[in-house]
């Protein structure tokens, strides 16, 4: 270090302090101290700032890598800034510091799980959950949609926090208020049949039966017959038979029979006619009109509601403004039923739950029915970057993020849902490993600054002696 040696010779020459009084002959010591402060301690401190910032950056990268398999995790990024002392050209750099750690809310890959209650968000937004975690009670926000139902039937996340949504009203509509979603464990009540429908063809080539229709021998006295299952008010199933007889060209009649043993009063051993009517067709096989002679009205036994009225839909006839071709037709082809329907069902026990892409949550019952429970809500923020991490895959709202605004998935810029899937962390392992290498190299370089400053300080101390 020739320049340093020359500088020390000038400072330590006796002429620089020989003319002073004996009490001031501490000049060499003061000059040495000044050099040490200006040249070595400052360099030590600058190197320390570099070590500190690089260590903090490695902490961030290590946290990202540790959460590479954490569902819904969002990686963080270190932002450095320089430390500058003084004004303008007279100032000097004094190292670096960690200015901020930003969260990167890019989309993570979707991982299919097949679990009916797993939900992934694609796009902006967060699931809203409520409860207590780590001693804090409130509303939290999460991208991890690994949900399940607890013992009380409430939809909860992996931490046991209740998932918020809009509950379903008794008529199936979704309410406007937001609350924890839950599925009732009680059985789904039965519903009696009030309407049935048949889509079928009656063979136009069928001859007119030689005998009149006999309800006690319907198979041999009818042109065609079919059966359909209906339910009473208690959910008990009953089989009704519908028989069709050709009366002439383009004219048919139907008769609806019920087993007498299932009626109130009991008429065991006989078939009871509970409804009848006529069908007229056009020459091209379309249903022209339906005339109802006897509306279906039946009283089943076993304590069911009496006088159960059931409407029968055989298609939209031409007389009622339809085409006459969407229900019952009369073409020269075998008679047969292609579809039948009825709106009743038996009671059922809860057997499962599903979450649909629009966020609606449905309970699945053993009778094959599905009933709406509610609809998940997605929270959006003015600035997602302002959210604060709360651990357990959760964030909390802050002044910087603004208040949460809850809405239906896919509305107002909110993301859509993918059921049976989870969002993976948005951490790129390769990128994080390269980042750690860069920070490690920078850490090593800053340690060399401290080593060099220490060597300079040792050299000064030896010159003093």
Protein backbone atom coordinates (compact mmCIF):
# COMPACT_ATOMS: atom_id res chain seq x y z
CA UNK A 1 0.00 0.00 0.00
CA UNK A 2 2.51 2.74 -1.13
CA UNK A 3 -0.09 5.52 -1.10
CA UNK A 4 -1.11 4.66 2.46
CA UNK A 5 2.57 4.62 3.58
CA UNK A 6 3.20 8.03 2.03
CA UNK A 7 0.14 9.46 3.72
CA UNK A 8 1.26 8.09 7.07
CA UNK A 9 4.74 9.57 6.66
CA UNK A 10 3.30 13.03 6.14
CA UNK A 11 1.00 12.72 9.11
CA UNK A 12 3.63 11.25 11.45
CA UNK A 13 6.57 13.60 10.60
CA UNK A 14 7.88 15.36 13.75
CA UNK A 15 7.47 18.76 12.09
CA UNK A 16 3.77 18.33 12.21
CA UNK A 17 3.80 18.51 15.99
CA UNK A 18 7.33 19.42 17.19
CA UNK A 19 6.48 23.14 17.61
CA UNK A 20 3.57 22.45 19.88
CA UNK A 21 3.75 22.42 23.63
CA UNK A 22 4.61 19.25 25.42
CA UNK A 23 0.99 18.84 26.44
CA UNK A 24 -0.01 18.74 22.77
CA UNK A 25 2.50 16.10 21.77
CA UNK A 26 -0.21 13.57 21.26
CA UNK A 27 -0.54 14.59 17.61
CA UNK A 28 0.52 11.27 16.10
CA UNK A 29 -2.09 9.42 18.14
CA UNK A 30 -4.86 11.83 17.12
CA UNK A 31 -3.88 11.71 13.47
CA UNK A 32 -3.78 7.93 13.55
CA UNK A 33 -7.22 7.82 15.14
CA UNK A 34 -8.58 10.13 12.46
CA UNK A 35 -7.22 7.91 9.72
CA UNK A 36 -8.64 4.86 11.39
CA UNK A 37 -12.08 6.43 11.67
CA UNK A 38 -12.14 7.73 8.13
CA UNK A 39 -10.63 4.77 6.38
CA UNK A 40 -11.18 1.59 8.32
CA UNK A 41 -14.19 1.87 10.59
CA UNK A 42 -16.28 3.27 7.74
CA UNK A 43 -15.26 0.38 5.53
CA UNK A 44 -16.05 -2.06 8.30
CA UNK A 45 -19.51 -0.56 8.70
CA UNK A 46 -20.13 -0.56 4.96
CA UNK A 47 -19.17 -4.21 4.75
CA UNK A 48 -21.47 -5.01 7.65
CA UNK A 49 -24.45 -3.42 5.87
CA UNK A 50 -23.72 -5.63 2.87
CA UNK A 51 -23.55 -8.74 5.04
CA UNK A 52 -26.81 -7.82 6.74
CA UNK A 53 -28.78 -7.19 3.56
CA UNK A 54 -27.49 -10.32 1.83
CA UNK A 55 -28.30 -12.44 4.89
CA UNK A 56 -31.82 -11.03 4.95
CA UNK A 57 -32.21 -11.74 1.23
CA UNK A 58 -31.07 -15.33 1.77
CA UNK A 59 -33.69 -15.60 4.54
CA UNK A 60 -36.36 -14.58 2.02
CA UNK A 61 -35.15 -17.07 -0.59
CA UNK A 62 -34.94 -19.82 2.03
CA UNK A 63 -38.52 -19.10 3.10
CA UNK A 64 -39.66 -19.37 -0.52
CA UNK A 65 -37.92 -22.72 -0.94
CA UNK A 66 -39.27 -24.02 2.36
CA UNK A 67 -42.82 -23.36 1.11
CA UNK A 68 -42.42 -24.77 -2.39
CA UNK A 69 -45.06 -27.43 -1.56
CA UNK A 70 -47.35 -25.15 0.47
CA UNK A 71 -50.68 -24.81 -1.33
CA UNK A 72 -51.60 -21.24 -2.16
CA UNK A 73 -48.21 -19.85 -1.03
CA UNK A 74 -47.00 -16.68 -2.73
CA UNK A 75 -43.26 -16.11 -3.04
CA UNK A 76 -41.55 -12.97 -1.73
CA UNK A 77 -38.90 -10.78 -3.31
CA UNK A 78 -36.13 -8.72 -1.63
CA UNK A 79 -35.67 -5.12 -2.72
CA UNK A 80 -32.34 -3.46 -1.81
CA UNK A 81 -31.57 0.25 -1.62
CA UNK A 82 -28.33 2.12 -1.12
CA UNK A 83 -27.38 4.16 1.95
CA UNK A 84 -26.09 7.65 1.05
CA UNK A 85 -24.57 10.11 3.51
CA UNK A 86 -24.30 13.79 2.68
CA UNK A 87 -25.66 16.03 -0.06
CA UNK A 88 -24.90 16.02 -3.75
CA UNK A 89 -21.34 15.50 -4.88
CA UNK A 90 -19.97 15.97 -1.36
CA UNK A 91 -21.76 12.88 -0.05
CA UNK A 92 -20.53 9.33 -0.01
CA UNK A 93 -22.05 5.88 -0.11
CA UNK A 94 -22.36 4.04 3.17
CA UNK A 95 -23.50 0.59 2.07
CA UNK A 96 -26.92 -0.96 1.48
CA UNK A 97 -30.05 -1.95 3.31
CA UNK A 98 -33.16 -4.04 2.71
CA UNK A 99 -35.77 -1.53 1.56
CA UNK A 100 -38.75 -3.88 1.39
CA UNK A 101 -39.89 -7.47 0.96
CA UNK A 102 -42.61 -7.63 -1.67
CA UNK A 103 -45.15 -10.41 -2.12
CA UNK A 104 -45.53 -11.71 -5.66
CA UNK A 105 -49.15 -12.67 -6.31
CA UNK A 106 -48.70 -14.47 -9.61
CA UNK A 107 -50.87 -17.49 -10.39
CA UNK A 108 -49.68 -20.88 -9.16
CA UNK A 109 -50.18 -24.09 -11.12
CA UNK A 110 -53.34 -26.10 -10.45
CA UNK A 111 -52.97 -29.56 -8.97
CA UNK A 112 -55.88 -31.95 -9.50
CA UNK A 113 -56.80 -33.80 -6.29
CA UNK A 114 -60.18 -35.36 -7.05
CA UNK A 115 -61.39 -34.30 -3.58
CA UNK A 116 -64.90 -32.86 -3.88
CA UNK A 117 -64.28 -30.12 -1.31
CA UNK A 118 -60.93 -28.91 -2.72
CA UNK A 119 -61.21 -25.63 -4.62
CA UNK A 120 -58.59 -23.62 -6.49
CA UNK A 121 -58.82 -19.95 -7.43
CA UNK A 122 -57.74 -19.00 -10.94
CA UNK A 123 -57.20 -15.26 -11.13
CA UNK A 124 -57.50 -12.48 -8.58
CA UNK A 125 -58.99 -12.79 -5.11
CA UNK A 126 -58.91 -14.77 -1.88
CA UNK A 127 -61.17 -17.10 0.05
CA UNK A 128 -62.53 -15.49 3.22
CA UNK A 129 -62.36 -17.46 6.48
CA UNK A 130 -63.19 -16.50 10.05
CA UNK A 131 -62.15 -17.72 13.48
CA UNK A 132 -59.11 -17.75 15.75
CA UNK A 133 -55.55 -18.62 14.77
CA UNK A 134 -52.37 -18.10 16.78
CA UNK A 135 -54.34 -16.21 19.42
CA UNK A 136 -55.86 -13.75 16.92
CA UNK A 137 -59.60 -13.73 16.22
CA UNK A 138 -61.00 -12.18 13.08
CA UNK A 139 -61.44 -12.57 9.34
CA UNK A 140 -58.51 -13.91 7.34
CA UNK A 141 -57.90 -14.46 3.64
CA UNK A 142 -56.36 -17.45 1.90
CA UNK A 143 -55.53 -18.91 -1.51
CA UNK A 144 -55.43 -22.46 -0.12
CA UNK A 145 -58.79 -24.09 -0.86
CA UNK A 146 -58.24 -27.39 0.95
CA UNK A 147 -61.64 -27.38 2.66
CA UNK A 148 -63.52 -30.01 4.64
CA UNK A 149 -66.61 -30.27 6.83
CA UNK A 150 -66.20 -30.46 10.59
CA UNK A 151 -68.35 -32.49 13.00
CA UNK A 152 -70.96 -29.74 13.09
CA UNK A 153 -71.32 -29.62 9.32
CA UNK A 154 -69.47 -26.29 8.91
CA UNK A 155 -67.16 -25.89 5.93
CA UNK A 156 -63.67 -25.17 7.33
CA UNK A 157 -60.12 -24.83 6.02
CA UNK A 158 -57.05 -26.79 7.12
CA UNK A 159 -56.71 -24.57 10.23
CA UNK A 160 -60.32 -25.13 11.26
CA UNK A 161 -61.44 -21.62 10.28
CA UNK A 162 -64.99 -21.33 8.97
CA UNK A 163 -65.29 -20.56 5.25
CA UNK A 164 -67.53 -17.57 4.55
CA UNK A 165 -70.24 -17.49 1.91
CA UNK A 166 -73.85 -16.58 1.24
CA UNK A 167 -76.28 -19.20 2.59
CA UNK A 168 -79.17 -20.64 0.60
CA UNK A 169 -82.75 -19.78 1.49
CA UNK A 170 -85.38 -22.53 1.88
CA UNK A 171 -86.57 -21.97 -1.70
CA UNK A 172 -83.04 -22.47 -3.06
CA UNK A 173 -82.27 -18.80 -3.74
CA UNK A 174 -78.99 -17.38 -2.38
CA UNK A 175 -79.24 -14.87 0.46
CA UNK A 176 -77.39 -11.55 0.38
CA UNK A 177 -75.75 -11.79 3.81
CA UNK A 178 -72.38 -13.48 4.40
CA UNK A 179 -71.82 -16.07 7.12
CA UNK A 180 -70.05 -19.41 7.70
CA UNK A 181 -71.41 -22.09 5.38
CA UNK A 182 -72.75 -25.30 6.86
CA UNK A 183 -74.58 -28.38 5.63
CA UNK A 184 -77.53 -29.61 7.72
CA UNK A 185 -77.05 -33.19 8.85
CA UNK A 186 -80.80 -33.89 8.98
CA UNK A 187 -82.41 -36.03 6.32
CA UNK A 188 -83.83 -34.29 3.27
CA UNK A 189 -87.66 -34.31 3.57
CA UNK A 190 -89.66 -36.19 0.99
CA UNK A 191 -91.66 -34.41 -1.70
CA UNK A 192 -94.82 -35.83 -3.23
CA UNK A 193 -95.23 -36.09 -6.99
CA UNK A 194 -97.30 -33.28 -8.46
CA UNK A 195 -96.41 -33.68 -12.14
CA UNK A 196 -95.28 -36.42 -14.48
CA UNK A 197 -94.35 -36.42 -18.12
CA UNK A 198 -93.95 -38.92 -20.98
CA UNK A 199 -92.07 -38.60 -24.26
CA UNK A 200 -93.14 -41.43 -26.53
CA UNK A 201 -94.49 -42.63 -29.86
CA UNK A 202 -97.75 -44.45 -30.51
CA UNK A 203 -97.69 -46.72 -33.55
CA UNK A 204 -100.10 -45.36 -36.16
CA UNK A 205 -100.27 -48.82 -37.76
CA UNK A 206 -101.64 -50.35 -34.56
CA UNK A 207 -105.15 -51.80 -35.11
CA UNK A 208 -108.09 -50.80 -32.96
CA UNK A 209 -108.48 -53.42 -30.16
CA UNK A 210 -111.38 -55.81 -30.65
CA UNK A 211 -112.34 -55.63 -26.97
CA UNK A 212 -113.14 -52.67 -24.81
CA UNK A 213 -110.50 -51.68 -22.29
CA UNK A 214 -110.71 -53.69 -19.03
CA UNK A 215 -108.85 -52.22 -16.04
CA UNK A 216 -108.58 -55.70 -14.51
CA UNK A 217 -107.06 -57.16 -17.69
CA UNK A 218 -105.21 -54.17 -19.15
CA UNK A 219 -102.43 -56.07 -20.89
CA UNK A 220 -104.83 -57.91 -23.20
CA UNK A 221 -107.25 -55.06 -23.83
CA UNK A 222 -104.87 -52.11 -24.41
CA UNK A 223 -102.84 -51.17 -27.49
CA UNK A 224 -99.78 -50.12 -25.43
CA UNK A 225 -98.86 -49.65 -21.80
CA UNK A 226 -96.05 -48.31 -19.61
CA UNK A 227 -95.47 -47.66 -15.92
CA UNK A 228 -93.96 -44.79 -13.94
CA UNK A 229 -92.96 -44.48 -10.28
CA UNK A 230 -94.41 -41.65 -8.18
CA UNK A 231 -94.08 -40.67 -4.50
CA UNK A 232 -96.64 -39.77 -1.86
CA UNK A 233 -96.23 -37.06 0.80
CA UNK A 234 -94.25 -39.43 3.05
CA UNK A 235 -91.81 -40.34 0.27
CA UNK A 236 -93.20 -43.84 -0.24
CA UNK A 237 -92.90 -44.99 -3.87
CA UNK A 238 -95.91 -46.17 -5.86
CA UNK A 239 -96.07 -47.56 -9.40
CA UNK A 240 -98.75 -46.14 -11.67
CA UNK A 241 -99.60 -47.80 -14.99
CA UNK A 242 -100.58 -45.77 -18.06
CA UNK A 243 -102.36 -47.63 -20.89
CA UNK A 244 -103.10 -46.31 -24.38
CA UNK A 245 -105.87 -47.58 -26.64
CA UNK A 246 -106.38 -46.71 -30.27
CA UNK A 247 -109.94 -45.54 -30.85
CA UNK A 248 -109.60 -44.82 -34.57
CA UNK A 249 -107.38 -43.08 -37.07
CA UNK A 250 -105.36 -40.36 -35.31
CA UNK A 251 -107.37 -40.77 -32.08
CA UNK A 252 -106.20 -42.47 -28.88
CA UNK A 253 -107.23 -42.63 -25.24
CA UNK A 254 -105.14 -43.07 -22.10
CA UNK A 255 -106.09 -44.52 -18.74
CA UNK A 256 -104.05 -44.28 -15.51
CA UNK A 257 -104.33 -47.19 -13.06
CA UNK A 258 -103.11 -47.64 -9.46
CA UNK A 259 -102.95 -50.87 -7.41
CA UNK A 260 -105.96 -50.90 -5.11
CA UNK A 261 -103.88 -52.36 -2.25
CA UNK A 262 -101.85 -49.12 -2.04
CA UNK A 263 -104.88 -46.82 -1.81
CA UNK A 264 -106.96 -45.43 1.00
CA UNK A 265 -109.41 -47.04 1.44
CA UNK A 266 -107.68 -50.29 0.63
CA UNK A 267 -109.00 -52.08 -2.45
CA UNK A 268 -106.73 -55.08 -2.48
CA UNK A 269 -106.72 -57.30 -5.55
CA UNK A 270 -108.03 -54.79 -8.09
CA UNK A 271 -106.70 -52.00 -10.28
CA UNK A 272 -108.31 -48.62 -9.72
CA UNK A 273 -108.58 -46.06 -12.53
CA UNK A 274 -107.44 -42.68 -11.20
CA UNK A 275 -107.23 -40.65 -14.44
CA UNK A 276 -108.08 -40.71 -18.14
CA UNK A 277 -108.12 -38.62 -21.32
CA UNK A 278 -107.90 -38.56 -25.12
CA UNK A 279 -105.17 -37.61 -27.63
CA UNK A 280 -105.79 -36.42 -31.19
CA UNK A 281 -103.03 -36.34 -33.84
CA UNK A 282 -102.61 -34.70 -37.20
CA UNK A 283 -102.18 -36.68 -40.39
CA UNK A 284 -98.41 -36.16 -40.15
CA UNK A 285 -98.21 -37.64 -36.62
CA UNK A 286 -98.05 -34.44 -34.55
CA UNK A 287 -100.03 -34.09 -31.32
CA UNK A 288 -103.01 -31.90 -32.14
CA UNK A 289 -104.74 -31.84 -28.73
CA UNK A 290 -105.02 -33.50 -25.33
CA UNK A 291 -108.41 -33.77 -23.65
CA UNK A 292 -108.47 -34.59 -19.96
CA UNK A 293 -111.53 -36.64 -19.05
CA UNK A 294 -110.58 -37.46 -15.46
CA UNK A 295 -107.76 -35.50 -13.73
CA UNK A 296 -105.39 -37.72 -11.79
CA UNK A 297 -106.41 -37.63 -8.16
CA UNK A 298 -105.29 -40.36 -5.77
CA UNK A 299 -105.27 -41.07 -2.05
CA UNK A 300 -102.45 -43.41 -1.08
CA UNK A 301 -102.58 -45.36 2.18
CA UNK A 302 -100.08 -45.44 5.04
CA UNK A 303 -100.92 -42.00 6.40
CA UNK A 304 -100.03 -39.99 3.28
CA UNK A 305 -101.83 -36.79 2.35
CA UNK A 306 -105.17 -37.70 0.68
CA UNK A 307 -106.37 -36.50 -2.73
CA UNK A 308 -102.92 -36.12 -4.23
CA UNK A 309 -103.32 -34.27 -7.52
CA UNK A 310 -100.89 -35.13 -10.33
CA UNK A 311 -100.76 -33.35 -13.68
CA UNK A 312 -99.73 -35.29 -16.77
CA UNK A 313 -97.60 -33.77 -19.54
CA UNK A 314 -97.73 -35.59 -22.86
CA UNK A 315 -96.13 -32.77 -24.87
CA UNK A 316 -96.99 -29.29 -26.16
CA UNK A 317 -99.95 -29.82 -28.49
CA UNK A 318 -100.64 -27.69 -31.55
CA UNK A 319 -103.85 -26.40 -29.96
CA UNK A 320 -101.77 -24.99 -27.09
CA UNK A 321 -99.28 -23.31 -29.41
CA UNK A 322 -96.70 -26.08 -29.55
CA UNK A 323 -95.29 -28.04 -32.45
CA UNK A 324 -96.91 -31.29 -31.37
CA UNK A 325 -93.58 -33.05 -31.89
CA UNK A 326 -91.76 -32.59 -28.56
CA UNK A 327 -93.75 -35.12 -26.53
CA UNK A 328 -96.12 -37.80 -27.72
CA UNK A 329 -96.20 -38.49 -31.46
CA UNK A 330 -97.96 -40.95 -33.76
CA UNK A 331 -95.68 -42.31 -36.46
CA UNK A 332 -95.66 -45.65 -38.24
CA UNK A 333 -93.07 -47.17 -35.95
CA UNK A 334 -93.20 -49.32 -32.85
CA UNK A 335 -94.81 -47.80 -29.79
CA UNK A 336 -92.29 -46.97 -27.08
CA UNK A 337 -91.32 -44.50 -24.36
CA UNK A 338 -88.08 -42.56 -24.92
CA UNK A 339 -88.21 -40.50 -21.71
CA UNK A 340 -90.29 -40.07 -18.59
CA UNK A 341 -90.10 -37.72 -15.64
CA UNK A 342 -91.77 -36.89 -12.35
CA UNK A 343 -90.98 -34.28 -9.69
CA UNK A 344 -91.36 -36.27 -6.46
CA UNK A 345 -88.70 -37.96 -4.37
CA UNK A 346 -88.23 -39.97 -1.21
CA UNK A 347 -86.46 -38.65 1.88
CA UNK A 348 -82.68 -39.02 1.85
CA UNK A 349 -79.71 -38.95 4.21
CA UNK A 350 -76.71 -36.71 3.54
CA UNK A 351 -74.13 -38.76 1.65
CA UNK A 352 -71.70 -36.17 0.32
CA UNK A 353 -70.99 -32.59 -0.66
CA UNK A 354 -69.79 -30.94 -3.85
CA UNK A 355 -68.60 -27.44 -4.73
CA UNK A 356 -69.48 -26.29 -8.24
CA UNK A 357 -67.35 -23.98 -10.44
CA UNK A 358 -69.70 -21.06 -9.73
CA UNK A 359 -69.01 -21.46 -6.01
CA UNK A 360 -72.35 -22.99 -5.07
CA UNK A 361 -72.09 -25.64 -2.38
CA UNK A 362 -74.54 -28.54 -2.59
CA UNK A 363 -75.40 -31.34 -0.23
CA UNK A 364 -75.76 -34.73 -1.92
CA UNK A 365 -78.35 -37.13 -0.52
CA UNK A 366 -78.90 -40.86 -0.71
CA UNK A 367 -82.08 -40.38 -2.76
CA UNK A 368 -80.04 -38.89 -5.59
CA UNK A 369 -81.08 -35.33 -4.86
CA UNK A 370 -78.79 -32.32 -4.46
CA UNK A 371 -79.72 -29.33 -2.34
CA UNK A 372 -78.07 -25.92 -2.35
CA UNK A 373 -76.31 -24.98 0.87
CA UNK A 374 -74.87 -21.64 -0.19
CA UNK A 375 -72.29 -19.97 -2.40
CA UNK A 376 -68.62 -19.31 -1.66
CA UNK A 377 -67.49 -15.70 -1.73
CA UNK A 378 -64.21 -14.34 -3.10
CA UNK A 379 -62.56 -11.30 -1.48
CA UNK A 380 -60.88 -8.63 -3.60
CA UNK A 381 -58.67 -5.77 -2.40
CA UNK A 382 -57.63 -2.39 -3.72
CA UNK A 383 -54.00 -3.50 -3.28
CA UNK A 384 -53.24 -7.15 -2.63
CA UNK A 385 -49.57 -6.20 -2.14
CA UNK A 386 -50.58 -4.43 1.07
CA UNK A 387 -51.87 -7.61 2.75
CA UNK A 388 -49.92 -8.81 5.78
CA UNK A 389 -48.93 -12.45 6.22
CA UNK A 390 -50.48 -14.12 9.26
CA UNK A 391 -49.06 -17.64 8.92
CA UNK A 392 -51.09 -20.80 8.33
CA UNK A 393 -51.50 -19.86 4.63
CA UNK A 394 -53.40 -16.74 5.70
CA UNK A 395 -53.29 -12.99 5.14
CA UNK A 396 -54.96 -10.15 7.01
CA UNK A 397 -56.18 -6.84 5.64
CA UNK A 398 -54.20 -3.68 6.44
CA UNK A 399 -54.55 0.03 5.78
CA UNK A 400 -52.31 -0.40 2.75
CA UNK A 401 -54.44 -3.19 1.25
CA UNK A 402 -57.79 -1.56 1.91
CA UNK A 403 -60.90 -3.33 3.11
CA UNK A 404 -62.02 -6.63 1.59
CA UNK A 405 -64.92 -6.56 -0.86
CA UNK A 406 -66.74 -9.91 -1.05
CA UNK A 407 -68.49 -11.09 -4.20
CA UNK A 408 -69.38 -14.12 -6.29
CA UNK A 409 -66.57 -15.93 -8.15
CA UNK A 410 -65.99 -14.62 -11.65
CA UNK A 411 -67.58 -11.21 -10.99
CA UNK A 412 -66.01 -7.79 -10.54
CA UNK A 413 -62.57 -8.94 -11.68
CA UNK A 414 -62.52 -11.83 -9.21
CA UNK A 415 -61.07 -15.17 -10.22
CA UNK A 416 -63.05 -18.27 -11.14
CA UNK A 417 -63.08 -21.57 -9.27
CA UNK A 418 -61.81 -25.01 -10.23
CA UNK A 419 -63.31 -27.76 -8.10
CA UNK A 420 -61.38 -30.86 -7.17
CA UNK A 421 -58.08 -28.97 -7.43
CA UNK A 422 -55.63 -26.92 -5.35
CA UNK A 423 -53.33 -24.06 -6.30
CA UNK A 424 -49.63 -24.85 -5.91
CA UNK A 425 -47.07 -22.36 -4.62
CA UNK A 426 -45.78 -19.94 -7.27
CA UNK A 427 -42.16 -20.65 -6.27
CA UNK A 428 -39.70 -21.47 -9.05
CA UNK A 429 -37.07 -23.70 -7.43
CA UNK A 430 -34.46 -23.00 -10.10
CA UNK A 431 -34.92 -19.25 -9.81
CA UNK A 432 -34.64 -19.35 -6.04
CA UNK A 433 -31.49 -21.49 -6.14
CA UNK A 434 -29.81 -19.04 -8.53
CA UNK A 435 -30.89 -16.18 -6.30
CA UNK A 436 -29.33 -17.88 -3.26
CA UNK A 437 -26.05 -18.38 -5.12
CA UNK A 438 -25.99 -14.71 -6.09
CA UNK A 439 -26.64 -13.58 -2.53
CA UNK A 440 -24.05 -16.02 -1.16
CA UNK A 441 -21.43 -14.65 -3.54
CA UNK A 442 -22.32 -11.10 -2.57
CA UNK A 443 -22.15 -12.05 1.11
CA UNK A 444 -18.66 -13.48 0.55
CA UNK A 445 -17.56 -10.32 -1.30
CA UNK A 446 -18.75 -8.11 1.55
CA UNK A 447 -16.86 -10.27 4.03
CA UNK A 448 -13.71 -9.54 1.99
CA UNK A 449 -14.34 -5.82 2.48
CA UNK A 450 -14.35 -6.36 6.23
CA UNK A 451 -11.20 -8.49 6.02
CA UNK A 452 -9.40 -5.78 4.02
CA UNK A 453 -10.49 -3.07 6.46
CA UNK A 454 -9.28 -5.22 9.34
CA UNK A 455 -5.87 -5.61 7.65
CA UNK A 456 -5.63 -1.85 7.21
CA UNK A 457 -6.47 -1.29 10.85
CA UNK A 458 -3.84 -3.80 11.94
CA UNK A 459 -1.25 -2.07 9.73
CA UNK A 460 -2.07 1.28 11.33
CA UNK A 461 -1.75 -0.14 14.79
CA UNK A 462 1.72 -1.51 13.99
CA UNK A 463 2.84 1.85 12.55
CA UNK A 464 1.79 3.49 15.79
CA UNK A 465 4.25 1.30 17.68
